[in-house]
Amino acid sequence: VSATTRDSYRRTVREFQRSLGRSIVDAGPDDVRRWRDELARRGQRPATIARKLSTVRSLYAYLEAGGYVVRNPASAKLVPPPELRSEKAGRALTPKDVRHLLCGPDRATADGARDYAILLTLARLGMRVSELCALRASSLWRSPKRWALTVKVKGGEERQLPLPDDVREAISAYLGLD
């Protein structure tokens, strides 16, 4: 598990413990439900609340296995998570939106060439912004048959992505202007 994930779990458990005002091992399902409802009142999104409940549920499963608690008060049967929308509205751009976005940068300038290369790379390779930000010139390399990028992905692993010609050309145009 990545350091970021562990840190997120730690923050969630501390937040839950503060809301209790007493030892975690003394909590019951009503306490977990109150915390869930308080998160919703504070405006946290259902997906965030579900993730936090999952973290607390995992903690209690561990405590239950170790004999520290008799039952898991955060069990989904006792404390159901908020209903999540199955549709992820607003999470993806249409091809038309991407074309319009790519028309924006002025590729005749260094900043515009950079912005175009960034947007095209994100759109064509489906990378996370954090993955793109971690790229270096040395991440770009040529295999015997084509160009590729070595990308550090979530969890610290590396993967190689074949580089479409239009992305390679955009990156080359930017590096040539810089």
C-alpha atoms as a PDB file:
ATOM      1  CA  VAL A   1       0.000   0.000   0.000  1.00  0.00           C
ATOM      2  CA  SER A   2       1.416   3.390  -0.981  1.00  0.00           C
ATOM      3  CA  ALA A   3       2.452   6.034   1.538  1.00  0.00           C
ATOM      4  CA  THR A   4      -0.350   8.262   0.258  1.00  0.00           C
ATOM      5  CA  THR A   5      -2.940   5.562   0.939  1.00  0.00           C
ATOM      6  CA  ARG A   6      -1.551   4.891   4.423  1.00  0.00           C
ATOM      7  CA  ASP A   7      -1.633   8.620   5.179  1.00  0.00           C
ATOM      8  CA  SER A   8      -5.248   8.830   4.001  1.00  0.00           C
ATOM      9  CA  TYR A   9      -6.206   5.870   6.226  1.00  0.00           C
ATOM     10  CA  ARG A  10      -4.415   7.465   9.184  1.00  0.00           C
ATOM     11  CA  ARG A  11      -6.246  10.778   8.733  1.00  0.00           C
ATOM     12  CA  THR A  12      -9.605   9.017   8.418  1.00  0.00           C
ATOM     13  CA  VAL A  13      -9.087   6.938  11.578  1.00  0.00           C
ATOM     14  CA  ARG A  14      -8.003  10.040  13.528  1.00  0.00           C
ATOM     15  CA  GLU A  15     -11.028  11.953  12.268  1.00  0.00           C
ATOM     16  CA  PHE A  16     -13.327   9.127  13.331  1.00  0.00           C
ATOM     17  CA  GLN A  17     -11.666   8.851  16.740  1.00  0.00           C
ATOM     18  CA  ARG A  18     -11.999  12.617  17.337  1.00  0.00           C
ATOM     19  CA  SER A  19     -15.690  12.423  16.489  1.00  0.00           C
ATOM     20  CA  LEU A  20     -16.129   9.672  19.088  1.00  0.00           C
ATOM     21  CA  GLY A  21     -14.354  11.448  21.912  1.00  0.00           C
ATOM     22  CA  ARG A  22     -13.457   8.086  23.445  1.00  0.00           C
ATOM     23  CA  SER A  23     -11.665   4.860  22.587  1.00  0.00           C
ATOM     24  CA  ILE A  24     -12.411   3.341  19.207  1.00  0.00           C
ATOM     25  CA  VAL A  25     -12.956  -0.092  20.784  1.00  0.00           C
ATOM     26  CA  ASP A  26     -15.985   1.307  22.687  1.00  0.00           C
ATOM     27  CA  ALA A  27     -17.836   2.493  19.568  1.00  0.00           C
ATOM     28  CA  GLY A  28     -21.083   0.995  18.357  1.00  0.00           C
ATOM     29  CA  PRO A  29     -23.034   1.139  15.096  1.00  0.00           C
ATOM     30  CA  ASP A  30     -24.928   4.260  16.275  1.00  0.00           C
ATOM     31  CA  ASP A  31     -21.606   6.095  16.694  1.00  0.00           C
ATOM     32  CA  VAL A  32     -20.515   5.132  13.181  1.00  0.00           C
ATOM     33  CA  ARG A  33     -23.896   6.180  11.751  1.00  0.00           C
ATOM     34  CA  ARG A  34     -23.681   9.549  13.543  1.00  0.00           C
ATOM     35  CA  TRP A  35     -20.202  10.104  12.090  1.00  0.00           C
ATOM     36  CA  ARG A  36     -21.401   9.112   8.584  1.00  0.00           C
ATOM     37  CA  ASP A  37     -24.327  11.531   8.849  1.00  0.00           C
ATOM     38  CA  GLU A  38     -22.070  14.315  10.144  1.00  0.00           C
ATOM     39  CA  LEU A  39     -19.773  13.860   7.136  1.00  0.00           C
ATOM     40  CA  ALA A  40     -22.812  14.264   4.869  1.00  0.00           C
ATOM     41  CA  ARG A  41     -23.968  17.389   6.759  1.00  0.00           C
ATOM     42  CA  ARG A  42     -20.498  18.882   6.274  1.00  0.00           C
ATOM     43  CA  GLY A  43     -20.985  18.476   2.522  1.00  0.00           C
ATOM     44  CA  GLN A  44     -18.640  15.587   1.828  1.00  0.00           C
ATOM     45  CA  ARG A  45     -19.472  13.693  -1.342  1.00  0.00           C
ATOM     46  CA  PRO A  46     -21.008  10.220  -1.136  1.00  0.00           C
ATOM     47  CA  ALA A  47     -17.890   8.639  -2.671  1.00  0.00           C
ATOM     48  CA  THR A  48     -15.700  10.257  -0.009  1.00  0.00           C
ATOM     49  CA  ILE A  49     -18.008   9.099   2.768  1.00  0.00           C
ATOM     50  CA  ALA A  50     -18.078   5.566   1.340  1.00  0.00           C
ATOM     51  CA  ARG A  51     -14.256   5.508   1.203  1.00  0.00           C
ATOM     52  CA  LYS A  52     -13.993   6.718   4.794  1.00  0.00           C
ATOM     53  CA  LEU A  53     -16.519   4.131   5.977  1.00  0.00           C
ATOM     54  CA  SER A  54     -14.562   1.444   4.145  1.00  0.00           C
ATOM     55  CA  THR A  55     -11.395   2.515   5.962  1.00  0.00           C
ATOM     56  CA  VAL A  56     -13.115   2.369   9.355  1.00  0.00           C
ATOM     57  CA  ARG A  57     -14.739  -0.953   8.428  1.00  0.00           C
ATOM     58  CA  SER A  58     -11.295  -2.377   7.589  1.00  0.00           C
ATOM     59  CA  LEU A  59      -9.876  -1.111  10.875  1.00  0.00           C
ATOM     60  CA  TYR A  60     -12.645  -2.852  12.814  1.00  0.00           C
ATOM     61  CA  ALA A  61     -12.183  -6.070  10.822  1.00  0.00           C
ATOM     62  CA  TYR A  62      -8.547  -6.011  11.949  1.00  0.00           C
ATOM     63  CA  LEU A  63      -9.535  -5.269  15.561  1.00  0.00           C
ATOM     64  CA  GLU A  64     -12.155  -8.035  15.439  1.00  0.00           C
ATOM     65  CA  ALA A  65      -9.607 -10.553  14.132  1.00  0.00           C
ATOM     66  CA  GLY A  66      -7.249  -9.550  16.951  1.00  0.00           C
ATOM     67  CA  GLY A  67      -9.945  -9.995  19.586  1.00  0.00           C
ATOM     68  CA  TYR A  68     -10.105  -6.292  20.540  1.00  0.00           C
ATOM     69  CA  VAL A  69     -13.774  -5.962  19.560  1.00  0.00           C
ATOM     70  CA  VAL A  70     -16.539  -8.566  19.469  1.00  0.00           C
ATOM     71  CA  ARG A  71     -18.147  -7.326  16.254  1.00  0.00           C
ATOM     72  CA  ASN A  72     -17.513  -4.767  13.565  1.00  0.00           C
ATOM     73  CA  PRO A  73     -19.709  -1.733  14.348  1.00  0.00           C
ATOM     74  CA  ALA A  74     -18.964  -0.295  10.902  1.00  0.00           C
ATOM     75  CA  SER A  75     -20.224  -3.365   9.042  1.00  0.00           C
ATOM     76  CA  ALA A  76     -22.097  -2.417   5.885  1.00  0.00           C
ATOM     77  CA  LYS A  77     -25.064  -4.408   7.209  1.00  0.00           C
ATOM     78  CA  LEU A  78     -25.200  -2.181  10.298  1.00  0.00           C
ATOM     79  CA  VAL A  79     -24.077   1.103   8.723  1.00  0.00           C
ATOM     80  CA  PRO A  80     -24.865   1.240   5.021  1.00  0.00           C
ATOM     81  CA  PRO A  81     -22.741   3.595   2.944  1.00  0.00           C
ATOM     82  CA  PRO A  82     -24.436   6.430   1.069  1.00  0.00           C
ATOM     83  CA  GLU A  83     -25.851   5.528  -2.301  1.00  0.00           C
ATOM     84  CA  LEU A  84     -23.410   6.281  -5.096  1.00  0.00           C
ATOM     85  CA  ARG A  85     -24.517   7.463  -8.503  1.00  0.00           C
ATOM     86  CA  SER A  86     -23.677   4.896 -11.127  1.00  0.00           C
ATOM     87  CA  GLU A  87     -23.237   7.601 -13.753  1.00  0.00           C
ATOM     88  CA  LYS A  88     -19.992   9.536 -13.490  1.00  0.00           C
ATOM     89  CA  ALA A  89     -21.311  12.776 -14.976  1.00  0.00           C
ATOM     90  CA  GLY A  90     -18.701  15.380 -15.761  1.00  0.00           C
ATOM     91  CA  ARG A  91     -15.805  12.954 -15.444  1.00  0.00           C
ATOM     92  CA  ALA A  92     -14.931  12.600 -19.123  1.00  0.00           C
ATOM     93  CA  LEU A  93     -14.661  14.935 -22.071  1.00  0.00           C
ATOM     94  CA  THR A  94     -16.334  14.134 -25.345  1.00  0.00           C
ATOM     95  CA  PRO A  95     -14.130  13.860 -28.452  1.00  0.00           C
ATOM     96  CA  LYS A  96     -15.577  17.200 -29.579  1.00  0.00           C
ATOM     97  CA  ASP A  97     -14.625  18.798 -26.235  1.00  0.00           C
ATOM     98  CA  VAL A  98     -11.074  17.461 -26.598  1.00  0.00           C
ATOM     99  CA  ARG A  99     -10.781  18.885 -30.124  1.00  0.00           C
ATOM    100  CA  HIS A 100     -11.948  22.296 -28.876  1.00  0.00           C
ATOM    101  CA  LEU A 101      -9.526  22.154 -25.963  1.00  0.00           C
ATOM    102  CA  LEU A 102      -6.625  21.318 -28.254  1.00  0.00           C
ATOM    103  CA  CYS A 103      -7.435  24.316 -30.477  1.00  0.00           C
ATOM    104  CA  GLY A 104      -6.817  26.708 -27.581  1.00  0.00           C
ATOM    105  CA  PRO A 105      -3.024  26.835 -27.162  1.00  0.00           C
ATOM    106  CA  ASP A 106      -1.013  28.983 -29.586  1.00  0.00           C
ATOM    107  CA  ARG A 107       1.567  26.425 -30.706  1.00  0.00           C
ATOM    108  CA  ALA A 108       3.768  29.163 -32.172  1.00  0.00           C
ATOM    109  CA  THR A 109       4.814  30.178 -28.649  1.00  0.00           C
ATOM    110  CA  ALA A 110       6.815  28.107 -26.141  1.00  0.00           C
ATOM    111  CA  ASP A 111       3.991  28.252 -23.592  1.00  0.00           C
ATOM    112  CA  GLY A 112       1.391  27.288 -26.190  1.00  0.00           C
ATOM    113  CA  ALA A 113       3.532  24.416 -27.507  1.00  0.00           C
ATOM    114  CA  ARG A 114       3.993  23.197 -23.930  1.00  0.00           C
ATOM    115  CA  ASP A 115       0.270  23.445 -23.146  1.00  0.00           C
ATOM    116  CA  TYR A 116      -0.667  21.654 -26.367  1.00  0.00           C
ATOM    117  CA  ALA A 117       1.839  18.846 -25.680  1.00  0.00           C
ATOM    118  CA  ILE A 118       0.489  18.461 -22.127  1.00  0.00           C
ATOM    119  CA  LEU A 119      -3.160  18.395 -23.188  1.00  0.00           C
ATOM    120  CA  LEU A 120      -2.537  16.028 -26.089  1.00  0.00           C
ATOM    121  CA  THR A 121      -0.483  13.662 -23.910  1.00  0.00           C
ATOM    122  CA  LEU A 122      -3.209  13.558 -21.262  1.00  0.00           C
ATOM    123  CA  ALA A 123      -5.950  13.040 -23.826  1.00  0.00           C
ATOM    124  CA  ARG A 124      -4.215  10.416 -25.977  1.00  0.00           C
ATOM    125  CA  LEU A 125      -2.496   8.372 -23.246  1.00  0.00           C
ATOM    126  CA  GLY A 126      -5.130   8.618 -20.508  1.00  0.00           C
ATOM    127  CA  MET A 127      -2.508   9.537 -17.937  1.00  0.00           C
ATOM    128  CA  ARG A 128      -3.129  11.040 -14.521  1.00  0.00           C
ATOM    129  CA  VAL A 129      -1.923  14.616 -14.078  1.00  0.00           C
ATOM    130  CA  SER A 130       0.491  13.424 -11.358  1.00  0.00           C
ATOM    131  CA  GLU A 131       1.972  10.917 -13.823  1.00  0.00           C
ATOM    132  CA  LEU A 132       2.472  13.628 -16.418  1.00  0.00           C
ATOM    133  CA  CYS A 133       4.054  15.982 -13.865  1.00  0.00           C
ATOM    134  CA  ALA A 134       6.592  13.299 -12.945  1.00  0.00           C
ATOM    135  CA  LEU A 135       7.821  12.946 -16.560  1.00  0.00           C
ATOM    136  CA  ARG A 136      11.344  13.983 -17.456  1.00  0.00           C
ATOM    137  CA  ALA A 137      13.065  14.242 -20.837  1.00  0.00           C
ATOM    138  CA  SER A 138      14.716  10.906 -19.987  1.00  0.00           C
ATOM    139  CA  SER A 139      11.229   9.325 -19.728  1.00  0.00           C
ATOM    140  CA  LEU A 140      11.022   9.524 -23.536  1.00  0.00           C
ATOM    141  CA  TRP A 141      12.904   6.770 -25.364  1.00  0.00           C
ATOM    142  CA  ARG A 142      12.977   4.924 -28.645  1.00  0.00           C
ATOM    143  CA  SER A 143      12.476   1.186 -28.880  1.00  0.00           C
ATOM    144  CA  PRO A 144      13.531  -0.590 -32.065  1.00  0.00           C
ATOM    145  CA  LYS A 145      10.089  -0.034 -33.589  1.00  0.00           C
ATOM    146  CA  ARG A 146       8.634   3.102 -31.975  1.00  0.00           C
ATOM    147  CA  TRP A 147       8.861   5.856 -29.379  1.00  0.00           C
ATOM    148  CA  ALA A 148       7.647   5.234 -25.831  1.00  0.00           C
ATOM    149  CA  LEU A 149       7.359   6.875 -22.413  1.00  0.00           C
ATOM    150  CA  THR A 150       8.319   5.355 -19.082  1.00  0.00           C
ATOM    151  CA  VAL A 151       5.694   6.548 -16.610  1.00  0.00           C
ATOM    152  CA  LYS A 152       5.614   6.226 -12.825  1.00  0.00           C
ATOM    153  CA  VAL A 153       2.052   5.177 -12.073  1.00  0.00           C
ATOM    154  CA  LYS A 154       0.020   5.185  -8.890  1.00  0.00           C
ATOM    155  CA  GLY A 155       1.702   3.017  -6.280  1.00  0.00           C
ATOM    156  CA  GLY A 156       5.213   3.880  -7.526  1.00  0.00           C
ATOM    157  CA  GLU A 157       5.354   1.225 -10.240  1.00  0.00           C
ATOM    158  CA  GLU A 158       6.643   2.022 -13.720  1.00  0.00           C
ATOM    159  CA  ARG A 159       4.987   1.216 -17.019  1.00  0.00           C
ATOM    160  CA  GLN A 160       5.933   1.814 -20.621  1.00  0.00           C
ATOM    161  CA  LEU A 161       3.432   3.499 -22.898  1.00  0.00           C
ATOM    162  CA  PRO A 162       3.808   3.493 -26.665  1.00  0.00           C
ATOM    163  CA  LEU A 163       3.852   7.076 -27.890  1.00  0.00           C
ATOM    164  CA  PRO A 164       1.486   7.950 -30.731  1.00  0.00           C
ATOM    165  CA  ASP A 165       3.167   9.935 -33.498  1.00  0.00           C
ATOM    166  CA  ASP A 166       1.085  13.061 -32.891  1.00  0.00           C
ATOM    167  CA  VAL A 167       2.068  13.118 -29.204  1.00  0.00           C
ATOM    168  CA  ARG A 168       5.762  12.604 -30.037  1.00  0.00           C
ATOM    169  CA  GLU A 169       5.585  15.430 -32.578  1.00  0.00           C
ATOM    170  CA  ALA A 170       3.923  17.758 -30.058  1.00  0.00           C
ATOM    171  CA  ILE A 171       6.568  16.973 -27.426  1.00  0.00           C
ATOM    172  CA  SER A 172       9.344  17.439 -29.983  1.00  0.00           C
ATOM    173  CA  ALA A 173       7.868  20.774 -31.090  1.00  0.00           C
ATOM    174  CA  TYR A 174       7.816  21.978 -27.494  1.00  0.00           C
ATOM    175  CA  LEU A 175      11.336  20.800 -26.713  1.00  0.00           C
ATOM    176  CA  GLY A 176      12.547  22.480 -29.902  1.00  0.00           C
ATOM    177  CA  LEU A 177      11.039  25.828 -28.808  1.00  0.00           C
ATOM    178  CA  ASP A 178      12.271  25.654 -25.225  1.00  0.00           C
END
